[in-house]
PDB file of N, CA and C in Angstrom:
ATOM      1  N   MET A   1     -51.438 -34.215  32.907  1.00  0.00           N
ATOM      2  CA  MET A   1     -50.907 -32.907  33.250  1.00  0.00           C
ATOM      3  C   MET A   1     -51.803 -31.803  32.703  1.00  0.00           C
ATOM      4  N   PHE A   2     -52.140 -31.909  31.413  1.00  0.00           N
ATOM      5  CA  PHE A   2     -52.979 -30.892  30.785  1.00  0.00           C
ATOM      6  C   PHE A   2     -54.372 -30.858  31.409  1.00  0.00           C
ATOM      7  N   LEU A   3     -54.895 -32.038  31.734  1.00  0.00           N
ATOM      8  CA  LEU A   3     -56.218 -32.117  32.347  1.00  0.00           C
ATOM      9  C   LEU A   3     -56.208 -31.474  33.728  1.00  0.00           C
ATOM     10  N   THR A   4     -55.123 -31.641  34.460  1.00  0.00           N
ATOM     11  CA  THR A   4     -55.001 -31.033  35.784  1.00  0.00           C
ATOM     12  C   THR A   4     -55.031 -29.513  35.686  1.00  0.00           C
ATOM     13  N   VAL A   5     -54.330 -28.966  34.697  1.00  0.00           N
ATOM     14  CA  VAL A   5     -54.319 -27.512  34.493  1.00  0.00           C
ATOM     15  C   VAL A   5     -55.718 -27.021  34.163  1.00  0.00           C
ATOM     16  N   LEU A   6     -56.425 -27.743  33.316  1.00  0.00           N
ATOM     17  CA  LEU A   6     -57.793 -27.337  32.962  1.00  0.00           C
ATOM     18  C   LEU A   6     -58.716 -27.390  34.178  1.00  0.00           C
ATOM     19  N   ILE A   7     -58.560 -28.390  35.013  1.00  0.00           N
ATOM     20  CA  ILE A   7     -59.394 -28.499  36.219  1.00  0.00           C
ATOM     21  C   ILE A   7     -59.111 -27.336  37.155  1.00  0.00           C
ATOM     22  N   ILE A   8     -57.840 -27.008  37.360  1.00  0.00           N
ATOM     23  CA  ILE A   8     -57.480 -25.895  38.246  1.00  0.00           C
ATOM     24  C   ILE A   8     -58.030 -24.585  37.697  1.00  0.00           C
ATOM     25  N   LEU A   9     -57.867 -24.349  36.401  1.00  0.00           N
ATOM     26  CA  LEU A   9     -58.405 -23.124  35.800  1.00  0.00           C
ATOM     27  C   LEU A   9     -59.922 -23.063  35.914  1.00  0.00           C
ATOM     28  N   GLY A  10     -60.580 -24.185  35.715  1.00  0.00           N
ATOM     29  CA  GLY A  10     -62.037 -24.222  35.847  1.00  0.00           C
ATOM     30  C   GLY A  10     -62.493 -23.888  37.256  1.00  0.00           C
ATOM     31  N   VAL A  11     -61.813 -24.450  38.246  1.00  0.00           N
ATOM     32  CA  VAL A  11     -62.169 -24.165  39.643  1.00  0.00           C
ATOM     33  C   VAL A  11     -61.938 -22.696  39.962  1.00  0.00           C
ATOM     34  N   LEU A  12     -60.832 -22.129  39.476  1.00  0.00           N
ATOM     35  CA  LEU A  12     -60.553 -20.712  39.729  1.00  0.00           C
ATOM     36  C   LEU A  12     -61.601 -19.803  39.083  1.00  0.00           C
ATOM     37  N   ILE A  13     -61.999 -20.131  37.869  1.00  0.00           N
ATOM     38  CA  ILE A  13     -63.014 -19.315  37.184  1.00  0.00           C
ATOM     39  C   ILE A  13     -64.345 -19.398  37.915  1.00  0.00           C
ATOM     40  N   ILE A  14     -64.729 -20.585  38.317  1.00  0.00           N
ATOM     41  CA  ILE A  14     -65.987 -20.747  39.056  1.00  0.00           C
ATOM     42  C   ILE A  14     -65.933 -19.995  40.383  1.00  0.00           C
ATOM     43  N   ALA A  15     -64.794 -20.077  41.072  1.00  0.00           N
ATOM     44  CA  ALA A  15     -64.644 -19.360  42.340  1.00  0.00           C
ATOM     45  C   ALA A  15     -64.755 -17.860  42.120  1.00  0.00           C
ATOM     46  N   LEU A  16     -64.158 -17.336  41.057  1.00  0.00           N
ATOM     47  CA  LEU A  16     -64.270 -15.904  40.771  1.00  0.00           C
ATOM     48  C   LEU A  16     -65.706 -15.508  40.465  1.00  0.00           C
ATOM     49  N   LEU A  17     -66.406 -16.365  39.720  1.00  0.00           N
ATOM     50  CA  LEU A  17     -67.797 -16.051  39.393  1.00  0.00           C
ATOM     51  C   LEU A  17     -68.679 -16.046  40.632  1.00  0.00           C
ATOM     52  N   ILE A  18     -68.298 -16.760  41.663  1.00  0.00           N
ATOM     53  CA  ILE A  18     -69.076 -16.795  42.898  1.00  0.00           C
ATOM     54  C   ILE A  18     -68.624 -15.711  43.871  1.00  0.00           C
ATOM     55  N   VAL A  19     -67.313 -15.546  44.041  1.00  0.00           N
ATOM     56  CA  VAL A  19     -66.777 -14.645  45.062  1.00  0.00           C
ATOM     57  C   VAL A  19     -66.984 -13.177  44.698  1.00  0.00           C
ATOM     58  N   VAL A  20     -66.757 -12.800  43.446  1.00  0.00           N
ATOM     59  CA  VAL A  20     -66.864 -11.389  43.058  1.00  0.00           C
ATOM     60  C   VAL A  20     -68.272 -10.845  43.290  1.00  0.00           C
ATOM     61  N   PRO A  21     -69.330 -11.513  42.850  1.00  0.00           N
ATOM     62  CA  PRO A  21     -70.669 -10.972  43.145  1.00  0.00           C
ATOM     63  C   PRO A  21     -70.972 -10.915  44.652  1.00  0.00           C
ATOM     64  N   LEU A  22     -70.481 -11.893  45.414  1.00  0.00           N
ATOM     65  CA  LEU A  22     -70.711 -11.862  46.857  1.00  0.00           C
ATOM     66  C   LEU A  22     -70.034 -10.668  47.496  1.00  0.00           C
ATOM     67  N   LEU A  23     -68.815 -10.353  47.077  1.00  0.00           N
ATOM     68  CA  LEU A  23     -68.116  -9.191  47.624  1.00  0.00           C
ATOM     69  C   LEU A  23     -68.793  -7.887  47.223  1.00  0.00           C
ATOM     70  N   GLU A  24     -69.310  -7.832  46.013  1.00  0.00           N
ATOM     71  CA  GLU A  24     -69.998  -6.621  45.573  1.00  0.00           C
ATOM     72  C   GLU A  24     -71.292  -6.404  46.357  1.00  0.00           C
ATOM     73  N   ARG A  25     -71.990  -7.463  46.673  1.00  0.00           N
ATOM     74  CA  ARG A  25     -73.254  -7.344  47.418  1.00  0.00           C
ATOM     75  C   ARG A  25     -73.040  -7.018  48.888  1.00  0.00           C
ATOM     76  N   SER A  26     -71.887  -7.406  49.432  1.00  0.00           N
ATOM     77  CA  SER A  26     -71.674  -7.222  50.865  1.00  0.00           C
ATOM     78  C   SER A  26     -71.307  -5.794  51.234  1.00  0.00           C
ATOM     79  N   ASN A  27     -71.083  -4.926  50.235  1.00  0.00           N
ATOM     80  CA  ASN A  27     -70.690  -3.534  50.479  1.00  0.00           C
ATOM     81  C   ASN A  27     -69.457  -3.445  51.365  1.00  0.00           C
ATOM     82  N   PHE A  28     -68.503  -4.330  51.126  1.00  0.00           N
ATOM     83  CA  PHE A  28     -67.258  -4.341  51.889  1.00  0.00           C
ATOM     84  C   PHE A  28     -66.393  -3.177  51.433  1.00  0.00           C
ATOM     85  N   ARG A  29     -66.126  -2.250  52.338  1.00  0.00           N
ATOM     86  CA  ARG A  29     -65.301  -1.080  52.023  1.00  0.00           C
ATOM     87  C   ARG A  29     -64.158  -1.000  53.011  1.00  0.00           C
ATOM     88  N   MET A  30     -63.029  -0.547  52.508  1.00  0.00           N
ATOM     89  CA  MET A  30     -61.864  -0.367  53.362  1.00  0.00           C
ATOM     90  C   MET A  30     -61.455   1.100  53.329  1.00  0.00           C
ATOM     91  N   SER A  31     -61.033   1.594  54.475  1.00  0.00           N
ATOM     92  CA  SER A  31     -60.552   2.965  54.521  1.00  0.00           C
ATOM     93  C   SER A  31     -59.150   3.037  53.933  1.00  0.00           C
ATOM     94  N   ASN A  32     -58.694   4.249  53.645  1.00  0.00           N
ATOM     95  CA  ASN A  32     -57.349   4.423  53.109  1.00  0.00           C
ATOM     96  C   ASN A  32     -56.298   3.938  54.103  1.00  0.00           C
ATOM     97  N   GLN A  33     -56.574   4.118  55.381  1.00  0.00           N
ATOM     98  CA  GLN A  33     -55.628   3.684  56.407  1.00  0.00           C
ATOM     99  C   GLN A  33     -55.512   2.154  56.411  1.00  0.00           C
ATOM    100  N   GLN A  34     -56.630   1.456  56.292  1.00  0.00           N
ATOM    101  CA  GLN A  34     -56.599  -0.004  56.257  1.00  0.00           C
ATOM    102  C   GLN A  34     -55.862  -0.502  55.013  1.00  0.00           C
ATOM    103  N   MET A  35     -56.110   0.152  53.877  1.00  0.00           N
ATOM    104  CA  MET A  35     -55.444  -0.273  52.640  1.00  0.00           C
ATOM    105  C   MET A  35     -53.941  -0.042  52.717  1.00  0.00           C
ATOM    106  N   SER A  36     -53.527   1.053  53.332  1.00  0.00           N
ATOM    107  CA  SER A  36     -52.092   1.303  53.431  1.00  0.00           C
ATOM    108  C   SER A  36     -51.423   0.289  54.353  1.00  0.00           C
ATOM    109  N   LYS A  37     -52.120  -0.131  55.412  1.00  0.00           N
ATOM    110  CA  LYS A  37     -51.567  -1.154  56.299  1.00  0.00           C
ATOM    111  C   LYS A  37     -51.412  -2.484  55.568  1.00  0.00           C
ATOM    112  N   MET A  38     -52.398  -2.831  54.752  1.00  0.00           N
ATOM    113  CA  MET A  38     -52.331  -4.100  54.024  1.00  0.00           C
ATOM    114  C   MET A  38     -51.306  -4.045  52.897  1.00  0.00           C
ATOM    115  N   SER A  39     -51.214  -2.915  52.201  1.00  0.00           N
ATOM    116  CA  SER A  39     -50.282  -2.820  51.081  1.00  0.00           C
ATOM    117  C   SER A  39     -48.833  -2.858  51.552  1.00  0.00           C
ATOM    118  N   ARG A  40     -48.599  -2.527  52.797  1.00  0.00           N
ATOM    119  CA  ARG A  40     -47.255  -2.583  53.365  1.00  0.00           C
ATOM    120  C   ARG A  40     -46.738  -4.016  53.398  1.00  0.00           C
ATOM    121  N   TRP A  41     -47.629  -4.995  53.443  1.00  0.00           N
ATOM    122  CA  TRP A  41     -47.234  -6.399  53.547  1.00  0.00           C
ATOM    123  C   TRP A  41     -47.053  -7.071  52.196  1.00  0.00           C
ATOM    124  N   ILE A  42     -47.557  -6.482  51.128  1.00  0.00           N
ATOM    125  CA  ILE A  42     -47.583  -7.167  49.840  1.00  0.00           C
ATOM    126  C   ILE A  42     -46.178  -7.444  49.306  1.00  0.00           C
ATOM    127  N   LEU A  43     -45.338  -6.425  49.217  1.00  0.00           N
ATOM    128  CA  LEU A  43     -44.007  -6.620  48.650  1.00  0.00           C
ATOM    129  C   LEU A  43     -43.155  -7.593  49.471  1.00  0.00           C
ATOM    130  N   PRO A  44     -43.098  -7.487  50.806  1.00  0.00           N
ATOM    131  CA  PRO A  44     -42.317  -8.489  51.553  1.00  0.00           C
ATOM    132  C   PRO A  44     -42.838  -9.920  51.366  1.00  0.00           C
ATOM    133  N   LEU A  45     -44.151 -10.085  51.279  1.00  0.00           N
ATOM    134  CA  LEU A  45     -44.692 -11.429  51.078  1.00  0.00           C
ATOM    135  C   LEU A  45     -44.361 -11.966  49.693  1.00  0.00           C
ATOM    136  N   VAL A  46     -44.377 -11.109  48.690  1.00  0.00           N
ATOM    137  CA  VAL A  46     -44.003 -11.536  47.344  1.00  0.00           C
ATOM    138  C   VAL A  46     -42.534 -11.947  47.311  1.00  0.00           C
ATOM    139  N   MET A  47     -41.683 -11.172  47.968  1.00  0.00           N
ATOM    140  CA  MET A  47     -40.257 -11.509  48.009  1.00  0.00           C
ATOM    141  C   MET A  47     -40.043 -12.831  48.748  1.00  0.00           C
ATOM    142  N   LEU A  48     -40.766 -13.051  49.831  1.00  0.00           N
ATOM    143  CA  LEU A  48     -40.667 -14.309  50.563  1.00  0.00           C
ATOM    144  C   LEU A  48     -41.093 -15.480  49.676  1.00  0.00           C
ATOM    145  N   MET A  49     -42.168 -15.282  48.922  1.00  0.00           N
ATOM    146  CA  MET A  49     -42.645 -16.322  48.024  1.00  0.00           C
ATOM    147  C   MET A  49     -41.600 -16.648  46.957  1.00  0.00           C
ATOM    148  N   VAL A  50     -40.935 -15.626  46.418  1.00  0.00           N
ATOM    149  CA  VAL A  50     -39.911 -15.849  45.404  1.00  0.00           C
ATOM    150  C   VAL A  50     -38.741 -16.631  45.988  1.00  0.00           C
ATOM    151  N   VAL A  51     -38.310 -16.280  47.189  1.00  0.00           N
ATOM    152  CA  VAL A  51     -37.203 -16.982  47.830  1.00  0.00           C
ATOM    153  C   VAL A  51     -37.579 -18.445  48.079  1.00  0.00           C
ATOM    154  N   ILE A  52     -38.775 -18.688  48.572  1.00  0.00           N
ATOM    155  CA  ILE A  52     -39.216 -20.061  48.828  1.00  0.00           C
ATOM    156  C   ILE A  52     -39.280 -20.857  47.527  1.00  0.00           C
ATOM    157  N   GLN A  53     -39.776 -20.244  46.474  1.00  0.00           N
ATOM    158  CA  GLN A  53     -39.845 -20.928  45.180  1.00  0.00           C
ATOM    159  C   GLN A  53     -38.453 -21.247  44.642  1.00  0.00           C
ATOM    160  N   LEU A  54     -37.492 -20.338  44.821  1.00  0.00           N
ATOM    161  CA  LEU A  54     -36.123 -20.602  44.375  1.00  0.00           C
ATOM    162  C   LEU A  54     -35.513 -21.761  45.161  1.00  0.00           C
ATOM    163  N   ILE A  55     -35.744 -21.783  46.467  1.00  0.00           N
ATOM    164  CA  ILE A  55     -35.233 -22.876  47.291  1.00  0.00           C
ATOM    165  C   ILE A  55     -35.847 -24.204  46.854  1.00  0.00           C
ATOM    166  N   MET A  56     -37.153 -24.206  46.605  1.00  0.00           N
ATOM    167  CA  MET A  56     -37.813 -25.436  46.177  1.00  0.00           C
ATOM    168  C   MET A  56     -37.321 -25.876  44.802  1.00  0.00           C
ATOM    169  N   TYR A  57     -37.031 -24.925  43.918  1.00  0.00           N
ATOM    170  CA  TYR A  57     -36.573 -25.272  42.575  1.00  0.00           C
ATOM    171  C   TYR A  57     -35.209 -25.939  42.614  1.00  0.00           C
ATOM    172  N   TYR A  58     -34.319 -25.444  43.464  1.00  0.00           N
ATOM    173  CA  TYR A  58     -32.965 -25.981  43.499  1.00  0.00           C
ATOM    174  C   TYR A  58     -32.822 -27.202  44.388  1.00  0.00           C
ATOM    175  N   MET A  59     -33.842 -27.613  45.081  1.00  0.00           N
ATOM    176  CA  MET A  59     -33.739 -28.807  45.927  1.00  0.00           C
ATOM    177  C   MET A  59     -34.269 -30.015  45.222  1.00  0.00           C
TER     178      MET A  59
END
Protein backbone atom coordinates (compact mmCIF):
# COMPACT_ATOMS: atom_id res chain seq x y z
CA MET A 1 0.00 0.00 0.00
CA PHE A 2 2.71 2.46 1.01
CA LEU A 3 4.80 1.57 -2.03
CA THR A 4 1.81 2.22 -4.30
CA VAL A 5 1.38 5.70 -2.81
CA LEU A 6 5.06 6.46 -3.35
CA ILE A 7 4.88 5.28 -6.97
CA ILE A 8 1.81 7.44 -7.66
CA LEU A 9 3.44 10.49 -6.05
CA GLY A 10 6.63 9.89 -8.02
CA VAL A 11 4.74 9.68 -11.31
CA LEU A 12 2.81 12.87 -10.50
CA ILE A 13 5.99 14.78 -9.63
CA ILE A 14 7.72 13.62 -12.80
CA ALA A 15 4.66 14.57 -14.86
CA LEU A 16 4.64 18.05 -13.31
CA LEU A 17 8.33 18.48 -14.00
CA ILE A 18 7.69 17.66 -17.66
CA VAL A 19 4.30 19.31 -18.26
CA VAL A 20 4.91 22.69 -16.58
CA PRO A 21 7.99 23.61 -18.66
CA LEU A 22 6.22 22.46 -21.84
CA LEU A 23 3.23 24.69 -21.10
CA GLU A 24 5.49 27.64 -20.33
CA ARG A 25 7.36 27.22 -23.63
CA SER A 26 4.21 26.87 -25.71
CA ASN A 27 3.02 30.41 -24.84
CA PHE A 28 -0.47 29.05 -24.23
CA ARG A 29 -2.68 31.99 -23.28
CA MET A 30 -6.37 32.13 -22.59
CA SER A 31 -8.59 35.16 -22.85
CA ASN A 32 -10.76 36.27 -19.95
CA GLN A 33 -13.82 35.06 -21.85
CA GLN A 34 -12.35 31.56 -22.26
CA MET A 35 -11.39 31.41 -18.58
CA SER A 36 -14.85 32.45 -17.47
CA LYS A 37 -16.42 29.74 -19.65
CA MET A 38 -14.13 27.10 -18.15
CA SER A 39 -14.50 28.31 -14.55
CA ARG A 40 -18.27 27.96 -14.89
CA TRP A 41 -17.80 24.17 -15.07
CA ILE A 42 -15.45 23.74 -12.11
CA LEU A 43 -17.90 23.89 -9.21
CA PRO A 44 -20.55 21.59 -10.79
CA LEU A 45 -17.86 19.05 -11.67
CA VAL A 46 -16.46 19.13 -8.14
CA MET A 47 -19.95 18.59 -6.72
CA LEU A 48 -20.52 15.69 -9.13
CA MET A 49 -17.22 14.16 -8.03
CA VAL A 50 -18.21 14.45 -4.36
CA VAL A 51 -21.57 12.79 -5.00
CA ILE A 52 -19.93 9.94 -6.94
CA GLN A 53 -17.36 9.44 -4.18
CA LEU A 54 -20.11 9.32 -1.53
CA ILE A 55 -22.03 6.74 -3.55
CA MET A 56 -18.89 4.64 -3.99
CA TYR A 57 -18.07 4.90 -0.27
CA TYR A 58 -21.47 3.65 0.84
CA MET A 59 -21.65 0.78 -1.65
